[in-house]
PDB file of all heavy atoms in Angstrom:
ATOM      1  N   ALA A   1     -22.991 -45.339-124.769  1.00  0.00           N
ATOM      2  CA  ALA A   1     -23.385 -46.291-123.645  1.00  0.00           C
ATOM      3  C   ALA A   1     -22.469 -46.184-122.512  1.00  0.00           C
ATOM      4  O   ALA A   1     -22.393 -47.329-121.633  1.00  0.00           O
ATOM      5  CB  ALA A   1     -23.425 -47.739-124.212  1.00  0.00           C
ATOM      6  N   THR A   2     -21.433 -45.206-122.415  1.00  0.00           N
ATOM      7  CA  THR A   2     -20.392 -45.180-121.350  1.00  0.00           C
ATOM      8  C   THR A   2     -20.820 -44.293-120.260  1.00  0.00           C
ATOM      9  O   THR A   2     -21.185 -43.216-120.500  1.00  0.00           O
ATOM     10  CB  THR A   2     -19.159 -44.859-121.954  1.00  0.00           C
ATOM     11  OG1 THR A   2     -18.736 -45.801-122.927  1.00  0.00           O
ATOM     12  CG2 THR A   2     -17.933 -44.762-120.952  1.00  0.00           C
ATOM     13  N   ARG A   3     -20.630 -44.666-119.132  1.00  0.00           N
ATOM     14  CA  ARG A   3     -20.996 -43.859-117.852  1.00  0.00           C
ATOM     15  C   ARG A   3     -19.499 -43.300-117.306  1.00  0.00           C
ATOM     16  O   ARG A   3     -18.670 -44.058-117.147  1.00  0.00           O
ATOM     17  CB  ARG A   3     -21.500 -44.607-116.646  1.00  0.00           C
ATOM     18  CG  ARG A   3     -23.086 -44.745-116.659  1.00  0.00           C
ATOM     19  CD  ARG A   3     -23.581 -45.361-115.482  1.00  0.00           C
ATOM     20  NE  ARG A   3     -23.049 -44.447-114.265  1.00  0.00           N
ATOM     21  CZ  ARG A   3     -22.975 -45.052-113.049  1.00  0.00           C
ATOM     22  NH1 ARG A   3     -23.382 -46.245-112.791  1.00  0.00           N
ATOM     23  NH2 ARG A   3     -22.598 -44.131-111.956  1.00  0.00           N
ATOM     24  N   VAL A   4     -19.348 -42.017-117.119  1.00  0.00           N
ATOM     25  CA  VAL A   4     -18.248 -41.331-116.839  1.00  0.00           C
ATOM     26  C   VAL A   4     -18.452 -40.454-115.515  1.00  0.00           C
ATOM     27  O   VAL A   4     -19.482 -39.788-115.349  1.00  0.00           O
ATOM     28  CB  VAL A   4     -17.811 -40.339-117.996  1.00  0.00           C
ATOM     29  CG1 VAL A   4     -16.617 -39.642-117.680  1.00  0.00           C
ATOM     30  CG2 VAL A   4     -17.442 -41.240-119.284  1.00  0.00           C
ATOM     31  N   VAL A   5     -17.508 -40.627-114.762  1.00  0.00           N
ATOM     32  CA  VAL A   5     -17.315 -39.654-113.440  1.00  0.00           C
ATOM     33  C   VAL A   5     -16.174 -38.830-113.665  1.00  0.00           C
ATOM     34  O   VAL A   5     -15.081 -39.312-113.898  1.00  0.00           O
ATOM     35  CB  VAL A   5     -17.262 -40.600-112.235  1.00  0.00           C
ATOM     36  CG1 VAL A   5     -17.034 -39.641-111.057  1.00  0.00           C
ATOM     37  CG2 VAL A   5     -18.605 -41.286-112.110  1.00  0.00           C
ATOM     38  N   ILE A   6     -16.319 -37.405-113.585  1.00  0.00           N
ATOM     39  CA  ILE A   6     -15.216 -36.608-113.615  1.00  0.00           C
ATOM     40  C   ILE A   6     -15.074 -35.970-112.268  1.00  0.00           C
ATOM     41  O   ILE A   6     -16.049 -35.349-111.652  1.00  0.00           O
ATOM     42  CB  ILE A   6     -15.429 -35.476-114.622  1.00  0.00           C
ATOM     43  CG1 ILE A   6     -15.548 -36.049-116.066  1.00  0.00           C
ATOM     44  CG2 ILE A   6     -14.221 -34.389-114.663  1.00  0.00           C
ATOM     45  CD1 ILE A   6     -15.998 -35.027-117.148  1.00  0.00           C
ATOM     46  N   SER A   7     -13.933 -36.172-111.601  1.00  0.00           N
ATOM     47  CA  SER A   7     -13.603 -35.649-110.325  1.00  0.00           C
ATOM     48  C   SER A   7     -12.923 -34.253-110.367  1.00  0.00           C
ATOM     49  O   SER A   7     -11.780 -34.299-110.802  1.00  0.00           O
ATOM     50  CB  SER A   7     -12.703 -36.620-109.373  1.00  0.00           C
ATOM     51  OG  SER A   7     -12.508 -35.962-108.243  1.00  0.00           O
ATOM     52  N   GLY A   8     -13.618 -33.208-110.139  1.00  0.00           N
ATOM     53  CA  GLY A   8     -13.072 -31.878-110.320  1.00  0.00           C
ATOM     54  C   GLY A   8     -13.861 -31.011-111.178  1.00  0.00           C
ATOM     55  O   GLY A   8     -14.215 -31.420-112.368  1.00  0.00           O
ATOM     56  N   ALA A   9     -14.424 -29.946-110.524  1.00  0.00           N
ATOM     57  CA  ALA A   9     -15.430 -29.010-111.325  1.00  0.00           C
ATOM     58  C   ALA A   9     -14.692 -27.755-111.663  1.00  0.00           C
ATOM     59  O   ALA A   9     -15.336 -26.652-111.706  1.00  0.00           O
ATOM     60  CB  ALA A   9     -16.598 -28.915-110.644  1.00  0.00           C
ATOM     61  N   GLY A  10     -13.298 -27.715-111.716  1.00  0.00           N
ATOM     62  CA  GLY A  10     -12.663 -26.433-112.054  1.00  0.00           C
ATOM     63  C   GLY A  10     -12.440 -26.401-113.562  1.00  0.00           C
ATOM     64  O   GLY A  10     -13.206 -26.961-114.354  1.00  0.00           O
ATOM     65  N   ALA A  11     -11.383 -25.714-113.954  1.00  0.00           N
ATOM     66  CA  ALA A  11     -11.212 -25.530-115.375  1.00  0.00           C
ATOM     67  C   ALA A  11     -11.065 -26.659-116.197  1.00  0.00           C
ATOM     68  O   ALA A  11     -11.750 -26.834-117.124  1.00  0.00           O
ATOM     69  CB  ALA A  11      -9.827 -24.717-115.525  1.00  0.00           C
ATOM     70  N   ALA A  12     -10.176 -27.667-115.748  1.00  0.00           N
ATOM     71  CA  ALA A  12     -10.060 -28.834-116.498  1.00  0.00           C
ATOM     72  C   ALA A  12     -11.448 -29.805-116.533  1.00  0.00           C
ATOM     73  O   ALA A  12     -11.772 -30.402-117.567  1.00  0.00           O
ATOM     74  CB  ALA A  12      -8.993 -29.854-115.986  1.00  0.00           C
ATOM     75  N   GLY A  13     -11.932 -29.861-115.283  1.00  0.00           N
ATOM     76  CA  GLY A  13     -13.192 -30.689-115.186  1.00  0.00           C
ATOM     77  C   GLY A  13     -14.330 -30.244-116.145  1.00  0.00           C
ATOM     78  O   GLY A  13     -15.024 -31.050-116.797  1.00  0.00           O
ATOM     79  N   VAL A  14     -14.597 -28.958-116.210  1.00  0.00           N
ATOM     80  CA  VAL A  14     -15.589 -28.334-116.950  1.00  0.00           C
ATOM     81  C   VAL A  14     -15.365 -28.558-118.452  1.00  0.00           C
ATOM     82  O   VAL A  14     -16.074 -28.950-119.177  1.00  0.00           O
ATOM     83  CB  VAL A  14     -15.798 -26.809-116.727  1.00  0.00           C
ATOM     84  CG1 VAL A  14     -16.750 -26.239-117.618  1.00  0.00           C
ATOM     85  CG2 VAL A  14     -16.320 -26.660-115.277  1.00  0.00           C
ATOM     86  N   ALA A  15     -14.040 -28.396-118.896  1.00  0.00           N
ATOM     87  CA  ALA A  15     -13.723 -28.537-120.281  1.00  0.00           C
ATOM     88  C   ALA A  15     -13.766 -29.979-120.722  1.00  0.00           C
ATOM     89  O   ALA A  15     -14.189 -30.237-121.794  1.00  0.00           O
ATOM     90  CB  ALA A  15     -12.287 -27.869-120.562  1.00  0.00           C
ATOM     91  N   ILE A  16     -13.340 -30.855-119.887  1.00  0.00           N
ATOM     92  CA  ILE A  16     -13.435 -32.267-120.209  1.00  0.00           C
ATOM     93  C   ILE A  16     -14.927 -32.733-120.368  1.00  0.00           C
ATOM     94  O   ILE A  16     -15.250 -33.384-121.328  1.00  0.00           O
ATOM     95  CB  ILE A  16     -12.676 -33.099-119.237  1.00  0.00           C
ATOM     96  CG1 ILE A  16     -11.218 -32.917-119.243  1.00  0.00           C
ATOM     97  CG2 ILE A  16     -13.113 -34.615-119.363  1.00  0.00           C
ATOM     98  CD1 ILE A  16     -10.448 -33.684-117.987  1.00  0.00           C
ATOM     99  N   ALA A  17     -15.775 -32.266-119.541  1.00  0.00           N
ATOM    100  CA  ALA A  17     -17.110 -32.671-119.548  1.00  0.00           C
ATOM    101  C   ALA A  17     -17.801 -32.116-120.899  1.00  0.00           C
ATOM    102  O   ALA A  17     -18.437 -32.918-121.651  1.00  0.00           O
ATOM    103  CB  ALA A  17     -17.903 -32.037-118.437  1.00  0.00           C
ATOM    104  N   LYS A  18     -17.447 -30.869-121.348  1.00  0.00           N
ATOM    105  CA  LYS A  18     -17.955 -30.319-122.570  1.00  0.00           C
ATOM    106  C   LYS A  18     -17.427 -31.064-123.707  1.00  0.00           C
ATOM    107  O   LYS A  18     -18.120 -31.188-124.730  1.00  0.00           O
ATOM    108  CB  LYS A  18     -17.623 -28.867-122.635  1.00  0.00           C
ATOM    109  CG  LYS A  18     -18.540 -28.033-121.534  1.00  0.00           C
ATOM    110  CD  LYS A  18     -18.332 -26.606-121.607  1.00  0.00           C
ATOM    111  CE  LYS A  18     -19.267 -25.750-120.669  1.00  0.00           C
ATOM    112  NZ  LYS A  18     -19.071 -24.353-120.840  1.00  0.00           N
ATOM    113  N   ILE A  19     -16.112 -31.426-123.808  1.00  0.00           N
ATOM    114  CA  ILE A  19     -15.576 -32.035-124.985  1.00  0.00           C
ATOM    115  C   ILE A  19     -16.127 -33.383-125.111  1.00  0.00           C
ATOM    116  O   ILE A  19     -16.407 -34.080-126.204  1.00  0.00           O
ATOM    117  CB  ILE A  19     -13.945 -31.850-125.091  1.00  0.00           C
ATOM    118  CG1 ILE A  19     -13.575 -32.041-126.482  1.00  0.00           C
ATOM    119  CG2 ILE A  19     -13.527 -33.023-124.186  1.00  0.00           C
ATOM    120  CD1 ILE A  19     -12.002 -31.774-126.612  1.00  0.00           C
ATOM    121  N   LEU A  20     -16.271 -34.211-124.022  1.00  0.00           N
ATOM    122  CA  LEU A  20     -16.908 -35.397-123.996  1.00  0.00           C
ATOM    123  C   LEU A  20     -18.299 -35.480-124.566  1.00  0.00           C
ATOM    124  O   LEU A  20     -18.774 -36.272-125.359  1.00  0.00           O
ATOM    125  CB  LEU A  20     -16.934 -36.083-122.668  1.00  0.00           C
ATOM    126  CG  LEU A  20     -15.451 -36.427-122.048  1.00  0.00           C
ATOM    127  CD1 LEU A  20     -15.806 -37.327-120.662  1.00  0.00           C
ATOM    128  CD2 LEU A  20     -14.574 -37.094-122.890  1.00  0.00           C
ATOM    129  N   LEU A  21     -19.100 -34.373-124.269  1.00  0.00           N
ATOM    130  CA  LEU A  21     -20.360 -34.294-124.741  1.00  0.00           C
ATOM    131  C   LEU A  21     -20.363 -34.126-126.268  1.00  0.00           C
ATOM    132  O   LEU A  21     -21.137 -34.759-127.015  1.00  0.00           O
ATOM    133  CB  LEU A  21     -21.244 -33.094-124.217  1.00  0.00           C
ATOM    134  CG  LEU A  21     -21.506 -33.185-122.501  1.00  0.00           C
ATOM    135  CD1 LEU A  21     -21.938 -31.868-121.997  1.00  0.00           C
ATOM    136  CD2 LEU A  21     -22.636 -34.262-122.502  1.00  0.00           C
ATOM    137  N   GLY A  22     -19.387 -33.310-126.721  1.00  0.00           N
ATOM    138  CA  GLY A  22     -19.192 -33.081-128.098  1.00  0.00           C
ATOM    139  C   GLY A  22     -18.756 -34.348-128.760  1.00  0.00           C
ATOM    140  O   GLY A  22     -19.090 -34.473-130.060  1.00  0.00           O
ATOM    141  N   ALA A  23     -18.186 -35.312-128.159  1.00  0.00           N
ATOM    142  CA  ALA A  23     -17.815 -36.561-128.745  1.00  0.00           C
ATOM    143  C   ALA A  23     -18.881 -37.738-128.548  1.00  0.00           C
ATOM    144  O   ALA A  23     -18.527 -38.729-128.886  1.00  0.00           O
ATOM    145  CB  ALA A  23     -16.398 -36.928-128.190  1.00  0.00           C
ATOM    146  N   GLY A  24     -20.009 -37.292-128.045  1.00  0.00           N
ATOM    147  CA  GLY A  24     -21.050 -38.266-128.024  1.00  0.00           C
ATOM    148  C   GLY A  24     -21.141 -39.164-126.747  1.00  0.00           C
ATOM    149  O   GLY A  24     -22.018 -39.968-126.598  1.00  0.00           O
ATOM    150  N   ILE A  25     -20.482 -38.598-125.692  1.00  0.00           N
ATOM    151  CA  ILE A  25     -20.536 -39.359-124.444  1.00  0.00           C
ATOM    152  C   ILE A  25     -21.389 -38.426-123.571  1.00  0.00           C
ATOM    153  O   ILE A  25     -21.043 -37.340-123.196  1.00  0.00           O
ATOM    154  CB  ILE A  25     -19.129 -39.401-123.735  1.00  0.00           C
ATOM    155  CG1 ILE A  25     -18.261 -40.317-124.602  1.00  0.00           C
ATOM    156  CG2 ILE A  25     -19.158 -40.026-122.415  1.00  0.00           C
ATOM    157  CD1 ILE A  25     -16.841 -40.408-124.139  1.00  0.00           C
ATOM    158  N   THR A  26     -22.506 -38.907-123.293  1.00  0.00           N
ATOM    159  CA  THR A  26     -23.612 -38.096-122.564  1.00  0.00           C
ATOM    160  C   THR A  26     -23.917 -38.420-121.066  1.00  0.00           C
ATOM    161  O   THR A  26     -24.551 -37.737-120.514  1.00  0.00           O
ATOM    162  CB  THR A  26     -24.911 -38.153-123.317  1.00  0.00           C
ATOM    163  OG1 THR A  26     -25.435 -39.591-123.509  1.00  0.00           O
ATOM    164  CG2 THR A  26     -24.789 -37.547-124.783  1.00  0.00           C
ATOM    165  N   ASP A  27     -23.525 -39.566-120.617  1.00  0.00           N
ATOM    166  CA  ASP A  27     -23.867 -40.010-119.192  1.00  0.00           C
ATOM    167  C   ASP A  27     -22.632 -39.597-118.462  1.00  0.00           C
ATOM    168  O   ASP A  27     -21.722 -40.419-118.157  1.00  0.00           O
ATOM    169  CB  ASP A  27     -24.163 -41.451-119.132  1.00  0.00           C
ATOM    170  CG  ASP A  27     -24.746 -41.878-117.831  1.00  0.00           C
ATOM    171  OD1 ASP A  27     -24.563 -40.999-116.785  1.00  0.00           O
ATOM    172  OD2 ASP A  27     -25.317 -42.991-117.653  1.00  0.00           O
ATOM    173  N   ILE A  28     -22.609 -38.329-117.919  1.00  0.00           N
ATOM    174  CA  ILE A  28     -21.516 -37.791-117.177  1.00  0.00           C
ATOM    175  C   ILE A  28     -21.882 -37.200-115.826  1.00  0.00           C
ATOM    176  O   ILE A  28     -22.947 -36.475-115.764  1.00  0.00           O
ATOM    177  CB  ILE A  28     -20.821 -36.582-117.975  1.00  0.00           C
ATOM    178  CG1 ILE A  28     -20.385 -37.191-119.353  1.00  0.00           C
ATOM    179  CG2 ILE A  28     -19.601 -36.094-117.314  1.00  0.00           C
ATOM    180  CD1 ILE A  28     -19.930 -36.072-120.348  1.00  0.00           C
ATOM    181  N   ALA A  29     -21.222 -37.490-114.778  1.00  0.00           N
ATOM    182  CA  ALA A  29     -21.299 -36.956-113.576  1.00  0.00           C
ATOM    183  C   ALA A  29     -20.077 -36.182-113.127  1.00  0.00           C
ATOM    184  O   ALA A  29     -19.145 -36.886-113.082  1.00  0.00           O
ATOM    185  CB  ALA A  29     -21.687 -37.836-112.405  1.00  0.00           C
ATOM    186  N   VAL A  30     -20.178 -34.840-112.900  1.00  0.00           N
ATOM    187  CA  VAL A  30     -19.038 -34.145-112.448  1.00  0.00           C
ATOM    188  C   VAL A  30     -19.075 -33.921-110.791  1.00  0.00           C
ATOM    189  O   VAL A  30     -20.255 -33.658-110.279  1.00  0.00           O
ATOM    190  CB  VAL A  30     -18.925 -32.670-113.047  1.00  0.00           C
ATOM    191  CG1 VAL A  30     -17.641 -31.951-112.671  1.00  0.00           C
ATOM    192  CG2 VAL A  30     -18.955 -32.965-114.669  1.00  0.00           C
ATOM    193  N   ILE A  31     -18.047 -34.247-110.203  1.00  0.00           N
ATOM    194  CA  ILE A  31     -17.997 -34.173-108.728  1.00  0.00           C
ATOM    195  C   ILE A  31     -17.156 -32.997-108.230  1.00  0.00           C
ATOM    196  O   ILE A  31     -16.006 -32.801-108.885  1.00  0.00           O
ATOM    197  CB  ILE A  31     -17.447 -35.544-108.178  1.00  0.00           C
ATOM    198  CG1 ILE A  31     -17.890 -36.736-108.904  1.00  0.00           C
ATOM    199  CG2 ILE A  31     -17.450 -35.497-106.746  1.00  0.00           C
ATOM    200  CD1 ILE A  31     -19.341 -36.975-108.566  1.00  0.00           C
ATOM    201  N   ASP A  32     -17.628 -32.254-107.246  1.00  0.00           N
ATOM    202  CA  ASP A  32     -16.771 -31.264-106.623  1.00  0.00           C
ATOM    203  C   ASP A  32     -16.776 -31.637-105.133  1.00  0.00           C
ATOM    204  O   ASP A  32     -17.030 -32.814-104.715  1.00  0.00           O
ATOM    205  CB  ASP A  32     -17.432 -29.859-106.811  1.00  0.00           C
ATOM    206  CG  ASP A  32     -18.738 -29.691-106.115  1.00  0.00           C
ATOM    207  OD1 ASP A  32     -19.246 -30.494-105.437  1.00  0.00           O
ATOM    208  OD2 ASP A  32     -19.231 -28.489-106.410  1.00  0.00           O
ATOM    209  N   ARG A  33     -16.381 -30.814-104.137  1.00  0.00           N
ATOM    210  CA  ARG A  33     -16.117 -31.185-102.906  1.00  0.00           C
ATOM    211  C   ARG A  33     -17.383 -31.572-102.181  1.00  0.00           C
ATOM    212  O   ARG A  33     -17.437 -32.259-101.178  1.00  0.00           O
ATOM    213  CB  ARG A  33     -15.527 -29.972-102.183  1.00  0.00           C
ATOM    214  CG  ARG A  33     -14.079 -29.657-102.416  1.00  0.00           C
ATOM    215  CD  ARG A  33     -13.517 -28.596-101.665  1.00  0.00           C
ATOM    216  NE  ARG A  33     -12.059 -28.306-101.956  1.00  0.00           N
ATOM    217  CZ  ARG A  33     -11.620 -27.401-102.924  1.00  0.00           C
ATOM    218  NH1 ARG A  33     -12.548 -26.940-103.728  1.00  0.00           N
ATOM    219  NH2 ARG A  33     -10.316 -27.124-103.116  1.00  0.00           N
ATOM    220  N   ARG A  34     -18.491 -31.056-102.738  1.00  0.00           N
ATOM    221  CA  ARG A  34     -19.749 -31.482-102.121  1.00  0.00           C
ATOM    222  C   ARG A  34     -20.636 -32.587-102.782  1.00  0.00           C
ATOM    223  O   ARG A  34     -21.747 -32.779-102.438  1.00  0.00           O
ATOM    224  CB  ARG A  34     -20.698 -30.214-101.946  1.00  0.00           C
ATOM    225  CG  ARG A  34     -20.095 -29.006-101.182  1.00  0.00           C
ATOM    226  CD  ARG A  34     -20.871 -27.986-100.948  1.00  0.00           C
ATOM    227  NE  ARG A  34     -20.368 -26.905-100.054  1.00  0.00           N
ATOM    228  CZ  ARG A  34     -21.081 -26.063 -99.370  1.00  0.00           C
ATOM    229  NH1 ARG A  34     -22.283 -26.005 -99.339  1.00  0.00           N
ATOM    230  NH2 ARG A  34     -20.409 -25.168 -98.556  1.00  0.00           N
ATOM    231  N   GLY A  35     -20.001 -33.164-103.694  1.00  0.00           N
ATOM    232  CA  GLY A  35     -20.630 -34.286-104.325  1.00  0.00           C
ATOM    233  C   GLY A  35     -20.918 -33.984-105.840  1.00  0.00           C
ATOM    234  O   GLY A  35     -20.314 -33.144-106.492  1.00  0.00           O
ATOM    235  N   VAL A  36     -21.914 -34.655-106.347  1.00  0.00           N
ATOM    236  CA  VAL A  36     -22.230 -34.547-107.807  1.00  0.00           C
ATOM    237  C   VAL A  36     -22.846 -33.160-108.114  1.00  0.00           C
ATOM    238  O   VAL A  36     -23.628 -32.667-107.265  1.00  0.00           O
ATOM    239  CB  VAL A  36     -23.415 -35.567-108.089  1.00  0.00           C
ATOM    240  CG1 VAL A  36     -23.777 -35.385-109.622  1.00  0.00           C
ATOM    241  CG2 VAL A  36     -22.734 -36.931-108.009  1.00  0.00           C
ATOM    242  N   VAL A  37     -22.364 -32.576-109.083  1.00  0.00           N
ATOM    243  CA  VAL A  37     -22.811 -31.199-109.414  1.00  0.00           C
ATOM    244  C   VAL A  37     -24.144 -31.373-110.183  1.00  0.00           C
ATOM    245  O   VAL A  37     -24.222 -31.813-111.466  1.00  0.00           O
ATOM    246  CB  VAL A  37     -21.793 -30.470-110.321  1.00  0.00           C
ATOM    247  CG1 VAL A  37     -22.379 -29.117-110.853  1.00  0.00           C
ATOM    248  CG2 VAL A  37     -20.546 -30.245-109.630  1.00  0.00           C
ATOM    249  N   SER A  38     -25.290 -31.311-109.468  1.00  0.00           N
ATOM    250  CA  SER A  38     -26.579 -31.325-110.020  1.00  0.00           C
ATOM    251  C   SER A  38     -27.444 -30.292-109.542  1.00  0.00           C
ATOM    252  O   SER A  38     -27.210 -29.604-108.563  1.00  0.00           O
ATOM    253  CB  SER A  38     -27.260 -32.853-109.508  1.00  0.00           C
ATOM    254  OG  SER A  38     -27.134 -32.900-108.155  1.00  0.00           O
TER     255      SER A  38
END
């Protein structure tokens, strides 16, 4: 039930997003210089 924003879509940002998904955190928005990666 947790909303997460990850600022940075490089090496660390991508890996953090994936490990959070593996831990059951699914509401994630990753941000790069142009905004939400969607």
